[in-house]
Amino acid sequence: MRKKIVAGNWKMNLTFQEADDLLGDLMDRLEEIDELDTEIIICPPFTYLEMATDCCEEYQMFEVGAQNLSAFDQGAYTGEISAAMLESMGVTYCIIGHSERRKYFEEDDKILKAKVDQALENGIIPIFCVGELLPERESEKHFEVVRRQVRHGLFHLDTNEFSKIIIAYEPVWAIGTGMNATPEQAGEMHAYIRKLIDERYGSEVAQATMILYGGSCNSKNVKDIFAQPGVDGGLIGGASLKADEFVSICIQASNI
């Protein structure tokens, strides 16, 4: 059985002191739990990665992920952060292809493919995001959109490389809007993504691939969503900025 994963994407939030306080609150609450059968990943802004990896090394309660990385390995790319830099700090995961990167920074399939390759070449596990816009859902093109994103971003990988990938399905219309995909909609898309993987890499790889759900997940709706067959946890946005809320999600994931 695949273990549940809960990844917290802090996005561009929190001052240094607020980030320090949140990590402290998370540790206090996680220490109170006797057993938690959920892998926890914290994805803070670049500026707080060292703080998070230090905390990870000391308490060993979670892993650390970045929110982005460069498509280039090194060189004259002012402002960019390479996969090798992240790996050298103890970062083990990286979110790639989030809808906000696709929309606001115009990251296309070619760029995202290069970022996936950079991550894997440096021992970082990509959390590769896919998902449709509201007009694409309403026009019933959501399967087509997700199929293209998965194929163009990931299907160049060989079986060994692909086996290291985590996929996050995030219906764009449900990110930060308060709207949610129904548990059935989430389950349907997760099953479809797994079918695509089966067709490309075979049943064994498809069944082993972790597929997370993201899109206004919180402690009130997460149980029904995570209980859907094929939903292996969540990529959590706003709720990851509240220690009580985030830990509640982790506990519920562990109990499913």
C-alpha atoms as a PDB file:
ATOM      1  CA  MET A   1       0.000   0.000   0.000  1.00  0.00           C
ATOM      2  CA  ARG A   2       1.258   3.484  -0.860  1.00  0.00           C
ATOM      3  CA  LYS A   3       1.984   5.677   2.149  1.00  0.00           C
ATOM      4  CA  LYS A   4       0.157   9.009   2.379  1.00  0.00           C
ATOM      5  CA  ILE A   5       2.132  12.205   1.743  1.00  0.00           C
ATOM      6  CA  VAL A   6       1.196  15.686   2.928  1.00  0.00           C
ATOM      7  CA  ALA A   7       3.262  18.520   1.461  1.00  0.00           C
ATOM      8  CA  GLY A   8       2.870  22.102   2.649  1.00  0.00           C
ATOM      9  CA  ASN A   9       3.480  24.818   0.061  1.00  0.00           C
ATOM     10  CA  TRP A  10       4.030  28.075   1.932  1.00  0.00           C
ATOM     11  CA  LYS A  11       4.212  30.060  -1.335  1.00  0.00           C
ATOM     12  CA  MET A  12       5.425  33.685  -0.918  1.00  0.00           C
ATOM     13  CA  ASN A  13       4.346  34.134   2.683  1.00  0.00           C
ATOM     14  CA  LEU A  14       5.803  34.840   6.136  1.00  0.00           C
ATOM     15  CA  THR A  15       8.641  36.974   7.421  1.00  0.00           C
ATOM     16  CA  PHE A  16      11.748  35.278   8.817  1.00  0.00           C
ATOM     17  CA  GLN A  17      10.402  35.444  12.377  1.00  0.00           C
ATOM     18  CA  GLU A  18       6.975  34.173  11.332  1.00  0.00           C
ATOM     19  CA  ALA A  19       8.570  31.250   9.507  1.00  0.00           C
ATOM     20  CA  ASP A  20      10.672  30.431  12.555  1.00  0.00           C
ATOM     21  CA  ASP A  21       7.581  30.569  14.775  1.00  0.00           C
ATOM     22  CA  LEU A  22       5.587  28.321  12.435  1.00  0.00           C
ATOM     23  CA  LEU A  23       8.324  25.693  12.327  1.00  0.00           C
ATOM     24  CA  GLY A  24       8.485  25.787  16.116  1.00  0.00           C
ATOM     25  CA  ASP A  25       4.718  25.393  16.411  1.00  0.00           C
ATOM     26  CA  LEU A  26       4.775  22.474  13.961  1.00  0.00           C
ATOM     27  CA  MET A  27       7.486  20.696  15.934  1.00  0.00           C
ATOM     28  CA  ASP A  28       5.624  21.184  19.211  1.00  0.00           C
ATOM     29  CA  ARG A  29       2.449  19.693  17.790  1.00  0.00           C
ATOM     30  CA  LEU A  30       4.140  16.832  15.951  1.00  0.00           C
ATOM     31  CA  GLU A  31       6.081  15.854  19.072  1.00  0.00           C
ATOM     32  CA  GLU A  32       2.770  15.305  20.881  1.00  0.00           C
ATOM     33  CA  ILE A  33       1.758  12.575  18.399  1.00  0.00           C
ATOM     34  CA  ASP A  34       2.801   9.036  19.301  1.00  0.00           C
ATOM     35  CA  GLU A  35       2.729   7.636  15.770  1.00  0.00           C
ATOM     36  CA  LEU A  36       2.065   9.268  12.415  1.00  0.00           C
ATOM     37  CA  ASP A  37       2.017   7.113   9.296  1.00  0.00           C
ATOM     38  CA  THR A  38       2.286  10.061   6.920  1.00  0.00           C
ATOM     39  CA  GLU A  39       5.308  11.502   5.143  1.00  0.00           C
ATOM     40  CA  ILE A  40       5.402  15.256   5.710  1.00  0.00           C
ATOM     41  CA  ILE A  41       7.142  17.677   3.350  1.00  0.00           C
ATOM     42  CA  ILE A  42       7.572  21.380   4.091  1.00  0.00           C
ATOM     43  CA  CYS A  43       8.147  23.707   1.108  1.00  0.00           C
ATOM     44  CA  PRO A  44       9.049  27.204   2.353  1.00  0.00           C
ATOM     45  CA  PRO A  45      10.421  30.105   0.269  1.00  0.00           C
ATOM     46  CA  PHE A  46      14.091  29.857  -0.737  1.00  0.00           C
ATOM     47  CA  THR A  47      15.086  32.279   2.036  1.00  0.00           C
ATOM     48  CA  TYR A  48      13.921  29.863   4.745  1.00  0.00           C
ATOM     49  CA  LEU A  49      15.213  26.583   3.300  1.00  0.00           C
ATOM     50  CA  GLU A  50      18.313  26.458   5.493  1.00  0.00           C
ATOM     51  CA  MET A  51      16.199  27.097   8.584  1.00  0.00           C
ATOM     52  CA  ALA A  52      13.892  24.260   7.538  1.00  0.00           C
ATOM     53  CA  THR A  53      16.672  21.783   6.689  1.00  0.00           C
ATOM     54  CA  ASP A  54      18.363  22.497  10.032  1.00  0.00           C
ATOM     55  CA  CYS A  55      15.057  21.795  11.773  1.00  0.00           C
ATOM     56  CA  CYS A  56      14.587  18.665   9.683  1.00  0.00           C
ATOM     57  CA  GLU A  57      18.041  17.363  10.611  1.00  0.00           C
ATOM     58  CA  GLU A  58      17.517  18.020  14.309  1.00  0.00           C
ATOM     59  CA  TYR A  59      13.985  16.665  14.735  1.00  0.00           C
ATOM     60  CA  GLN A  60      13.631  14.285  11.744  1.00  0.00           C
ATOM     61  CA  MET A  61       9.868  14.838  11.584  1.00  0.00           C
ATOM     62  CA  PHE A  62       9.576  16.022   8.004  1.00  0.00           C
ATOM     63  CA  GLU A  63      11.447  16.437   4.720  1.00  0.00           C
ATOM     64  CA  VAL A  64      12.133  19.742   2.989  1.00  0.00           C
ATOM     65  CA  GLY A  65      11.122  20.751  -0.521  1.00  0.00           C
ATOM     66  CA  ALA A  66      11.720  23.846  -2.617  1.00  0.00           C
ATOM     67  CA  GLN A  67       8.952  25.634  -4.493  1.00  0.00           C
ATOM     68  CA  ASN A  68      10.940  25.987  -7.707  1.00  0.00           C
ATOM     69  CA  LEU A  69      14.352  25.494  -9.290  1.00  0.00           C
ATOM     70  CA  SER A  70      16.207  26.646 -12.379  1.00  0.00           C
ATOM     71  CA  ALA A  71      16.090  24.895 -15.743  1.00  0.00           C
ATOM     72  CA  PHE A  72      19.853  25.572 -15.962  1.00  0.00           C
ATOM     73  CA  ASP A  73      22.609  23.826 -14.067  1.00  0.00           C
ATOM     74  CA  GLN A  74      24.861  26.827 -13.333  1.00  0.00           C
ATOM     75  CA  GLY A  75      26.220  30.034 -14.802  1.00  0.00           C
ATOM     76  CA  ALA A  76      25.208  33.622 -15.506  1.00  0.00           C
ATOM     77  CA  TYR A  77      21.523  33.366 -14.597  1.00  0.00           C
ATOM     78  CA  THR A  78      21.063  36.135 -12.055  1.00  0.00           C
ATOM     79  CA  GLY A  79      18.410  35.390  -9.464  1.00  0.00           C
ATOM     80  CA  GLU A  80      18.122  31.684 -10.295  1.00  0.00           C
ATOM     81  CA  ILE A  81      18.586  28.791  -7.861  1.00  0.00           C
ATOM     82  CA  SER A  82      20.027  25.549  -9.242  1.00  0.00           C
ATOM     83  CA  ALA A  83      19.105  22.001  -8.328  1.00  0.00           C
ATOM     84  CA  ALA A  84      22.695  21.405  -7.220  1.00  0.00           C
ATOM     85  CA  MET A  85      22.443  24.333  -4.790  1.00  0.00           C
ATOM     86  CA  LEU A  86      19.263  22.909  -3.318  1.00  0.00           C
ATOM     87  CA  GLU A  87      20.687  19.406  -3.005  1.00  0.00           C
ATOM     88  CA  SER A  88      23.773  20.752  -1.242  1.00  0.00           C
ATOM     89  CA  MET A  89      21.494  22.258   1.437  1.00  0.00           C
ATOM     90  CA  GLY A  90      19.687  18.992   2.128  1.00  0.00           C
ATOM     91  CA  VAL A  91      16.571  19.753   0.085  1.00  0.00           C
ATOM     92  CA  THR A  92      15.060  16.470  -1.142  1.00  0.00           C
ATOM     93  CA  TYR A  93      11.905  17.557  -3.017  1.00  0.00           C
ATOM     94  CA  CYS A  94      10.921  20.354  -5.381  1.00  0.00           C
ATOM     95  CA  ILE A  95       7.543  21.527  -6.680  1.00  0.00           C
ATOM     96  CA  ILE A  96       7.686  21.845 -10.468  1.00  0.00           C
ATOM     97  CA  GLY A  97       4.963  23.106 -12.806  1.00  0.00           C
ATOM     98  CA  HIS A  98       2.673  24.661 -10.227  1.00  0.00           C
ATOM     99  CA  SER A  99      -0.177  26.511 -11.941  1.00  0.00           C
ATOM    100  CA  GLU A 100       1.087  29.818 -10.564  1.00  0.00           C
ATOM    101  CA  ARG A 101       4.467  29.236 -12.233  1.00  0.00           C
ATOM    102  CA  ARG A 102       2.746  28.273 -15.478  1.00  0.00           C
ATOM    103  CA  LYS A 103       0.462  31.316 -15.386  1.00  0.00           C
ATOM    104  CA  TYR A 104       2.456  34.188 -13.913  1.00  0.00           C
ATOM    105  CA  PHE A 105       5.905  33.186 -15.139  1.00  0.00           C
ATOM    106  CA  GLU A 106       4.826  31.583 -18.421  1.00  0.00           C
ATOM    107  CA  GLU A 107       6.620  28.318 -17.780  1.00  0.00           C
ATOM    108  CA  ASP A 108       5.827  26.041 -20.704  1.00  0.00           C
ATOM    109  CA  ASP A 109       6.264  22.314 -21.268  1.00  0.00           C
ATOM    110  CA  LYS A 110       9.834  22.726 -22.557  1.00  0.00           C
ATOM    111  CA  ILE A 111      10.959  24.643 -19.462  1.00  0.00           C
ATOM    112  CA  LEU A 112       9.204  22.264 -17.078  1.00  0.00           C
ATOM    113  CA  LYS A 113      10.718  19.240 -18.803  1.00  0.00           C
ATOM    114  CA  ALA A 114      14.183  20.766 -18.320  1.00  0.00           C
ATOM    115  CA  LYS A 115      13.433  21.473 -14.652  1.00  0.00           C
ATOM    116  CA  VAL A 116      12.354  17.872 -14.088  1.00  0.00           C
ATOM    117  CA  ASP A 117      15.616  16.694 -15.637  1.00  0.00           C
ATOM    118  CA  GLN A 118      17.671  19.072 -13.493  1.00  0.00           C
ATOM    119  CA  ALA A 119      15.955  17.846 -10.341  1.00  0.00           C
ATOM    120  CA  LEU A 120      16.478  14.168 -11.112  1.00  0.00           C
ATOM    121  CA  GLU A 121      20.096  14.658 -12.161  1.00  0.00           C
ATOM    122  CA  ASN A 122      20.778  16.147  -8.741  1.00  0.00           C
ATOM    123  CA  GLY A 123      18.893  13.617  -6.645  1.00  0.00           C
ATOM    124  CA  ILE A 124      15.858  15.817  -5.986  1.00  0.00           C
ATOM    125  CA  ILE A 125      12.374  14.306  -6.238  1.00  0.00           C
ATOM    126  CA  PRO A 126      10.013  16.400  -8.389  1.00  0.00           C
ATOM    127  CA  ILE A 127       6.458  17.037  -7.236  1.00  0.00           C
ATOM    128  CA  PHE A 128       5.093  17.675 -10.711  1.00  0.00           C
ATOM    129  CA  CYS A 129       1.855  19.647 -10.834  1.00  0.00           C
ATOM    130  CA  VAL A 130      -0.876  19.271 -13.435  1.00  0.00           C
ATOM    131  CA  GLY A 131      -4.404  20.624 -13.656  1.00  0.00           C
ATOM    132  CA  GLU A 132      -6.997  22.389 -15.745  1.00  0.00           C
ATOM    133  CA  LEU A 133      -8.490  25.893 -15.774  1.00  0.00           C
ATOM    134  CA  LEU A 134     -12.182  26.416 -15.099  1.00  0.00           C
ATOM    135  CA  PRO A 135     -13.083  26.995 -18.796  1.00  0.00           C
ATOM    136  CA  GLU A 136     -11.248  23.771 -19.664  1.00  0.00           C
ATOM    137  CA  ARG A 137     -13.247  21.871 -17.046  1.00  0.00           C
ATOM    138  CA  GLU A 138     -16.524  23.433 -18.184  1.00  0.00           C
ATOM    139  CA  SER A 139     -15.810  22.583 -21.834  1.00  0.00           C
ATOM    140  CA  GLU A 140     -14.917  19.026 -20.797  1.00  0.00           C
ATOM    141  CA  LYS A 141     -11.320  19.384 -21.953  1.00  0.00           C
ATOM    142  CA  HIS A 142      -9.860  18.636 -18.514  1.00  0.00           C
ATOM    143  CA  PHE A 143      -8.677  15.146 -19.399  1.00  0.00           C
ATOM    144  CA  GLU A 144      -7.071  16.412 -22.599  1.00  0.00           C
ATOM    145  CA  VAL A 145      -5.241  19.186 -20.729  1.00  0.00           C
ATOM    146  CA  VAL A 146      -3.903  16.914 -18.006  1.00  0.00           C
ATOM    147  CA  ARG A 147      -2.897  14.269 -20.551  1.00  0.00           C
ATOM    148  CA  ARG A 148      -0.826  16.828 -22.453  1.00  0.00           C
ATOM    149  CA  GLN A 149       0.833  18.143 -19.288  1.00  0.00           C
ATOM    150  CA  VAL A 150       1.771  14.668 -18.081  1.00  0.00           C
ATOM    151  CA  ARG A 151       3.024  13.460 -21.455  1.00  0.00           C
ATOM    152  CA  HIS A 152       5.005  16.568 -22.366  1.00  0.00           C
ATOM    153  CA  GLY A 153       6.493  17.071 -18.920  1.00  0.00           C
ATOM    154  CA  LEU A 154       7.254  13.511 -17.840  1.00  0.00           C
ATOM    155  CA  PHE A 155       6.919  10.838 -20.495  1.00  0.00           C
ATOM    156  CA  HIS A 156      10.412  11.435 -21.901  1.00  0.00           C
ATOM    157  CA  LEU A 157      11.743   9.778 -18.741  1.00  0.00           C
ATOM    158  CA  ASP A 158      12.780   6.132 -18.636  1.00  0.00           C
ATOM    159  CA  THR A 159      11.085   3.785 -16.188  1.00  0.00           C
ATOM    160  CA  ASN A 160      13.706   4.190 -13.469  1.00  0.00           C
ATOM    161  CA  GLU A 161      13.576   7.983 -13.675  1.00  0.00           C
ATOM    162  CA  PHE A 162       9.796   8.129 -13.741  1.00  0.00           C
ATOM    163  CA  SER A 163       9.550   5.891 -10.679  1.00  0.00           C
ATOM    164  CA  LYS A 164      10.997   8.765  -8.635  1.00  0.00           C
ATOM    165  CA  ILE A 165       8.276  11.242  -9.663  1.00  0.00           C
ATOM    166  CA  ILE A 166       5.393  12.455  -7.492  1.00  0.00           C
ATOM    167  CA  ILE A 167       2.441  13.958  -9.366  1.00  0.00           C
ATOM    168  CA  ALA A 168       0.104  16.545  -7.864  1.00  0.00           C
ATOM    169  CA  TYR A 169      -3.279  17.088  -9.486  1.00  0.00           C
ATOM    170  CA  GLU A 170      -4.460  20.627  -8.813  1.00  0.00           C
ATOM    171  CA  PRO A 171      -7.601  21.824 -10.569  1.00  0.00           C
ATOM    172  CA  VAL A 172      -6.550  25.430 -11.094  1.00  0.00           C
ATOM    173  CA  TRP A 173     -10.067  26.698 -10.463  1.00  0.00           C
ATOM    174  CA  ALA A 174      -9.884  25.319  -6.912  1.00  0.00           C
ATOM    175  CA  ILE A 175      -6.536  26.827  -5.860  1.00  0.00           C
ATOM    176  CA  GLY A 176      -6.968  29.612  -3.344  1.00  0.00           C
ATOM    177  CA  THR A 177     -10.555  30.218  -4.452  1.00  0.00           C
ATOM    178  CA  GLY A 178     -12.436  28.381  -1.733  1.00  0.00           C
ATOM    179  CA  MET A 179     -13.931  26.185  -4.443  1.00  0.00           C
ATOM    180  CA  ASN A 180     -13.212  22.484  -4.339  1.00  0.00           C
ATOM    181  CA  ALA A 181     -13.299  19.598  -6.695  1.00  0.00           C
ATOM    182  CA  THR A 182     -15.683  17.039  -5.267  1.00  0.00           C
ATOM    183  CA  PRO A 183     -14.071  13.898  -3.878  1.00  0.00           C
ATOM    184  CA  GLU A 184     -15.480  12.080  -6.896  1.00  0.00           C
ATOM    185  CA  GLN A 185     -13.922  14.558  -9.348  1.00  0.00           C
ATOM    186  CA  ALA A 186     -10.575  14.234  -7.593  1.00  0.00           C
ATOM    187  CA  GLY A 187     -10.774  10.443  -7.602  1.00  0.00           C
ATOM    188  CA  GLU A 188     -11.772  10.377 -11.272  1.00  0.00           C
ATOM    189  CA  MET A 189      -8.774  12.462 -12.365  1.00  0.00           C
ATOM    190  CA  HIS A 190      -6.356  10.519 -10.202  1.00  0.00           C
ATOM    191  CA  ALA A 191      -7.596   7.298 -11.776  1.00  0.00           C
ATOM    192  CA  TYR A 192      -7.174   8.834 -15.239  1.00  0.00           C
ATOM    193  CA  ILE A 193      -3.594   9.918 -14.528  1.00  0.00           C
ATOM    194  CA  ARG A 194      -2.765   6.444 -13.240  1.00  0.00           C
ATOM    195  CA  LYS A 195      -4.248   4.992 -16.436  1.00  0.00           C
ATOM    196  CA  LEU A 196      -1.954   7.202 -18.534  1.00  0.00           C
ATOM    197  CA  ILE A 197       1.039   5.969 -16.534  1.00  0.00           C
ATOM    198  CA  ASP A 198      -0.085   2.370 -16.941  1.00  0.00           C
ATOM    199  CA  GLU A 199      -0.250   2.801 -20.720  1.00  0.00           C
ATOM    200  CA  ARG A 200       3.266   4.268 -20.844  1.00  0.00           C
ATOM    201  CA  TYR A 201       5.169   2.424 -18.104  1.00  0.00           C
ATOM    202  CA  GLY A 202       3.020  -0.545 -17.103  1.00  0.00           C
ATOM    203  CA  SER A 203       0.827  -1.491 -14.179  1.00  0.00           C
ATOM    204  CA  GLU A 204       3.575  -1.942 -11.599  1.00  0.00           C
ATOM    205  CA  VAL A 205       4.908   1.596 -12.074  1.00  0.00           C
ATOM    206  CA  ALA A 206       1.394   3.044 -12.254  1.00  0.00           C
ATOM    207  CA  GLN A 207       0.355   1.459  -8.979  1.00  0.00           C
ATOM    208  CA  ALA A 208       3.546   2.610  -7.246  1.00  0.00           C
ATOM    209  CA  THR A 209       3.303   6.253  -8.394  1.00  0.00           C
ATOM    210  CA  MET A 210       2.254   8.727  -5.725  1.00  0.00           C
ATOM    211  CA  ILE A 211      -0.460  11.137  -6.895  1.00  0.00           C
ATOM    212  CA  LEU A 212      -1.441  13.984  -4.565  1.00  0.00           C
ATOM    213  CA  TYR A 213      -4.449  16.290  -4.654  1.00  0.00           C
ATOM    214  CA  GLY A 214      -4.210  20.047  -4.224  1.00  0.00           C
ATOM    215  CA  GLY A 215      -6.837  22.762  -4.399  1.00  0.00           C
ATOM    216  CA  SER A 216      -8.176  24.408  -1.238  1.00  0.00           C
ATOM    217  CA  CYS A 217      -7.602  21.329   0.900  1.00  0.00           C
ATOM    218  CA  ASN A 218      -8.290  21.878   4.592  1.00  0.00           C
ATOM    219  CA  SER A 219      -8.978  19.887   7.735  1.00  0.00           C
ATOM    220  CA  LYS A 220     -12.725  19.825   7.019  1.00  0.00           C
ATOM    221  CA  ASN A 221     -12.689  18.338   3.505  1.00  0.00           C
ATOM    222  CA  VAL A 222      -9.444  16.401   3.443  1.00  0.00           C
ATOM    223  CA  LYS A 223     -10.797  13.155   4.885  1.00  0.00           C
ATOM    224  CA  ASP A 224     -13.337  12.645   2.103  1.00  0.00           C
ATOM    225  CA  ILE A 225     -10.836  13.584  -0.615  1.00  0.00           C
ATOM    226  CA  PHE A 226      -7.960  11.480   0.722  1.00  0.00           C
ATOM    227  CA  ALA A 227     -10.287   8.497   1.131  1.00  0.00           C
ATOM    228  CA  GLN A 228     -10.807   8.320  -2.621  1.00  0.00           C
ATOM    229  CA  PRO A 229      -9.028   5.356  -4.229  1.00  0.00           C
ATOM    230  CA  GLY A 230      -5.815   6.519  -5.836  1.00  0.00           C
ATOM    231  CA  VAL A 231      -5.501   9.776  -3.870  1.00  0.00           C
ATOM    232  CA  ASP A 232      -2.219   9.471  -1.988  1.00  0.00           C
ATOM    233  CA  GLY A 233      -2.285  12.677   0.020  1.00  0.00           C
ATOM    234  CA  GLY A 234      -2.200  16.363  -0.709  1.00  0.00           C
ATOM    235  CA  LEU A 235      -0.250  19.430  -1.713  1.00  0.00           C
ATOM    236  CA  ILE A 236      -1.546  21.940   0.807  1.00  0.00           C
ATOM    237  CA  GLY A 237      -1.432  25.707   0.302  1.00  0.00           C
ATOM    238  CA  GLY A 238      -3.011  28.173   2.713  1.00  0.00           C
ATOM    239  CA  ALA A 239      -3.793  25.561   5.359  1.00  0.00           C
ATOM    240  CA  SER A 240      -0.070  24.767   5.656  1.00  0.00           C
ATOM    241  CA  LEU A 241       0.496  28.219   7.187  1.00  0.00           C
ATOM    242  CA  LYS A 242      -1.492  27.272  10.296  1.00  0.00           C
ATOM    243  CA  ALA A 243       0.207  24.685  12.485  1.00  0.00           C
ATOM    244  CA  ASP A 244      -3.004  23.271  14.022  1.00  0.00           C
ATOM    245  CA  GLU A 245      -4.702  23.006  10.637  1.00  0.00           C
ATOM    246  CA  PHE A 246      -1.725  21.412   8.889  1.00  0.00           C
ATOM    247  CA  VAL A 247      -1.082  18.867  11.630  1.00  0.00           C
ATOM    248  CA  SER A 248      -4.785  17.968  11.662  1.00  0.00           C
ATOM    249  CA  ILE A 249      -4.534  17.220   7.928  1.00  0.00           C
ATOM    250  CA  CYS A 250      -1.466  15.037   8.542  1.00  0.00           C
ATOM    251  CA  ILE A 251      -3.232  13.102  11.304  1.00  0.00           C
ATOM    252  CA  GLN A 252      -6.327  12.521   9.182  1.00  0.00           C
ATOM    253  CA  ALA A 253      -4.175  11.333   6.280  1.00  0.00           C
ATOM    254  CA  SER A 254      -2.464   8.855   8.604  1.00  0.00           C
ATOM    255  CA  ASN A 255      -5.786   7.439   9.750  1.00  0.00           C
ATOM    256  CA  ILE A 256      -7.191   6.717   6.274  1.00  0.00           C
END
